[in-house]
Amino acid sequence: MSAIASQLSREHARENAGRGIRVSSLHHDLTASAAPPLGILYAAVCLVLLIACANVAGLLVGGSPPAIARSAFGSRSAHAVPGLHVNS
């Protein structure tokens, strides 16, 4: 690219006086301003996932009733209730 720029500067010296050339990635130019907010969003999502895992681990380790642990994993109450009758 520098060879092309030097040739153009020789051919059009008056028009290009005080001008230069810069080559950069289009992807970088379009996404550079979005990197800091995306990093913050990524950190927030990781924090929420960590809290959710800690809550489920606390339910399982804490000796909670099985229905509470089942509901933490997304079981509907219709599926959790028969388990209570079997376990009690």
C-alpha atoms as a PDB file:
ATOM      1  CA  MET A   1       0.000   0.000   0.000  1.00  0.00           C
ATOM      2  CA  SER A   2       2.878   2.337   0.686  1.00  0.00           C
ATOM      3  CA  ALA A   3       4.134   1.859  -2.900  1.00  0.00           C
ATOM      4  CA  ILE A   4       0.755   2.904  -4.278  1.00  0.00           C
ATOM      5  CA  ALA A   5       0.625   5.882  -1.921  1.00  0.00           C
ATOM      6  CA  SER A   6       4.101   7.075  -2.934  1.00  0.00           C
ATOM      7  CA  GLN A   7       3.274   6.735  -6.623  1.00  0.00           C
ATOM      8  CA  LEU A   8       0.051   8.717  -6.212  1.00  0.00           C
ATOM      9  CA  SER A   9       1.859  11.383  -4.218  1.00  0.00           C
ATOM     10  CA  ARG A  10       4.397  11.778  -7.026  1.00  0.00           C
ATOM     11  CA  GLU A  11       1.729  11.898  -9.740  1.00  0.00           C
ATOM     12  CA  HIS A  12      -0.553  14.292  -7.877  1.00  0.00           C
ATOM     13  CA  ALA A  13       1.817  16.219  -5.663  1.00  0.00           C
ATOM     14  CA  ARG A  14      -0.189  19.437  -5.534  1.00  0.00           C
ATOM     15  CA  GLU A  15      -3.588  17.794  -4.870  1.00  0.00           C
ATOM     16  CA  ASN A  16      -2.228  15.459  -2.181  1.00  0.00           C
ATOM     17  CA  ALA A  17      -0.057  17.942  -0.308  1.00  0.00           C
ATOM     18  CA  GLY A  18      -0.371  17.362   3.428  1.00  0.00           C
ATOM     19  CA  ARG A  19      -2.382  14.154   3.024  1.00  0.00           C
ATOM     20  CA  GLY A  20      -1.505  10.626   3.970  1.00  0.00           C
ATOM     21  CA  ILE A  21      -2.885   7.123   3.808  1.00  0.00           C
ATOM     22  CA  ARG A  22      -3.946   4.733   6.517  1.00  0.00           C
ATOM     23  CA  VAL A  23      -5.036   1.107   6.084  1.00  0.00           C
ATOM     24  CA  SER A  24      -7.180  -0.500   8.723  1.00  0.00           C
ATOM     25  CA  SER A  25      -9.602  -3.377   9.058  1.00  0.00           C
ATOM     26  CA  LEU A  26     -13.230  -2.541   8.363  1.00  0.00           C
ATOM     27  CA  HIS A  27     -14.267  -4.966  11.097  1.00  0.00           C
ATOM     28  CA  HIS A  28     -12.075  -3.176  13.626  1.00  0.00           C
ATOM     29  CA  ASP A  29     -13.364   0.249  12.577  1.00  0.00           C
ATOM     30  CA  LEU A  30     -16.989  -0.843  12.931  1.00  0.00           C
ATOM     31  CA  THR A  31     -16.682  -2.754  16.202  1.00  0.00           C
ATOM     32  CA  ALA A  32     -13.990  -0.868  18.151  1.00  0.00           C
ATOM     33  CA  SER A  33     -16.481   1.421  19.900  1.00  0.00           C
ATOM     34  CA  ALA A  34     -18.690  -1.522  20.933  1.00  0.00           C
ATOM     35  CA  ALA A  35     -15.941  -3.487  22.703  1.00  0.00           C
ATOM     36  CA  PRO A  36     -16.118  -1.830  26.172  1.00  0.00           C
ATOM     37  CA  PRO A  37     -19.936  -2.113  26.533  1.00  0.00           C
ATOM     38  CA  LEU A  38     -19.831  -5.715  25.346  1.00  0.00           C
ATOM     39  CA  GLY A  39     -17.156  -6.497  27.922  1.00  0.00           C
ATOM     40  CA  ILE A  40     -19.329  -5.052  30.678  1.00  0.00           C
ATOM     41  CA  LEU A  41     -22.334  -7.037  29.421  1.00  0.00           C
ATOM     42  CA  TYR A  42     -20.249 -10.225  29.345  1.00  0.00           C
ATOM     43  CA  ALA A  43     -19.105  -9.648  32.931  1.00  0.00           C
ATOM     44  CA  ALA A  44     -22.706  -9.058  34.091  1.00  0.00           C
ATOM     45  CA  VAL A  45     -23.922 -12.263  32.421  1.00  0.00           C
ATOM     46  CA  CYS A  46     -21.095 -14.239  34.030  1.00  0.00           C
ATOM     47  CA  LEU A  47     -21.966 -12.785  37.432  1.00  0.00           C
ATOM     48  CA  VAL A  48     -25.648 -13.737  37.064  1.00  0.00           C
ATOM     49  CA  LEU A  49     -24.669 -17.255  36.010  1.00  0.00           C
ATOM     50  CA  LEU A  50     -22.336 -17.572  38.988  1.00  0.00           C
ATOM     51  CA  ILE A  51     -25.095 -16.451  41.384  1.00  0.00           C
ATOM     52  CA  ALA A  52     -27.562 -18.927  39.845  1.00  0.00           C
ATOM     53  CA  CYS A  53     -25.088 -21.799  40.182  1.00  0.00           C
ATOM     54  CA  ALA A  54     -24.364 -20.843  43.786  1.00  0.00           C
ATOM     55  CA  ASN A  55     -28.088 -20.786  44.581  1.00  0.00           C
ATOM     56  CA  VAL A  56     -28.687 -24.232  43.098  1.00  0.00           C
ATOM     57  CA  ALA A  57     -25.617 -25.629  44.852  1.00  0.00           C
ATOM     58  CA  GLY A  58     -26.850 -24.152  48.120  1.00  0.00           C
ATOM     59  CA  LEU A  59     -30.217 -25.861  47.663  1.00  0.00           C
ATOM     60  CA  LEU A  60     -28.616 -29.205  46.942  1.00  0.00           C
ATOM     61  CA  VAL A  61     -25.991 -29.081  49.691  1.00  0.00           C
ATOM     62  CA  GLY A  62     -28.190 -27.442  52.301  1.00  0.00           C
ATOM     63  CA  GLY A  63     -30.443 -30.456  52.700  1.00  0.00           C
ATOM     64  CA  SER A  64     -33.528 -28.711  51.377  1.00  0.00           C
ATOM     65  CA  PRO A  65     -36.639 -30.735  50.626  1.00  0.00           C
ATOM     66  CA  PRO A  66     -36.513 -32.413  47.216  1.00  0.00           C
ATOM     67  CA  ALA A  67     -39.429 -30.342  45.895  1.00  0.00           C
ATOM     68  CA  ILE A  68     -37.442 -27.136  46.377  1.00  0.00           C
ATOM     69  CA  ALA A  69     -34.451 -28.599  44.583  1.00  0.00           C
ATOM     70  CA  ARG A  70     -36.697 -29.837  41.757  1.00  0.00           C
ATOM     71  CA  SER A  71     -38.322 -26.431  41.396  1.00  0.00           C
ATOM     72  CA  ALA A  72     -34.863 -24.833  41.243  1.00  0.00           C
ATOM     73  CA  PHE A  73     -34.140 -26.978  38.199  1.00  0.00           C
ATOM     74  CA  GLY A  74     -37.386 -25.893  36.517  1.00  0.00           C
ATOM     75  CA  SER A  75     -39.753 -28.726  37.404  1.00  0.00           C
ATOM     76  CA  ARG A  76     -43.432 -27.876  37.413  1.00  0.00           C
ATOM     77  CA  SER A  77     -45.351 -28.422  40.642  1.00  0.00           C
ATOM     78  CA  ALA A  78     -47.277 -31.332  39.082  1.00  0.00           C
ATOM     79  CA  HIS A  79     -43.982 -33.182  38.643  1.00  0.00           C
ATOM     80  CA  ALA A  80     -42.583 -32.206  42.035  1.00  0.00           C
ATOM     81  CA  VAL A  81     -45.619 -33.235  44.129  1.00  0.00           C
ATOM     82  CA  PRO A  82     -45.576 -37.002  43.354  1.00  0.00           C
ATOM     83  CA  GLY A  83     -41.962 -37.063  44.457  1.00  0.00           C
ATOM     84  CA  LEU A  84     -42.997 -35.753  47.887  1.00  0.00           C
ATOM     85  CA  HIS A  85     -45.451 -38.587  48.404  1.00  0.00           C
ATOM     86  CA  VAL A  86     -42.880 -41.203  47.461  1.00  0.00           C
ATOM     87  CA  ASN A  87     -40.150 -39.728  49.632  1.00  0.00           C
ATOM     88  CA  SER A  88     -42.259 -39.122  52.749  1.00  0.00           C
END
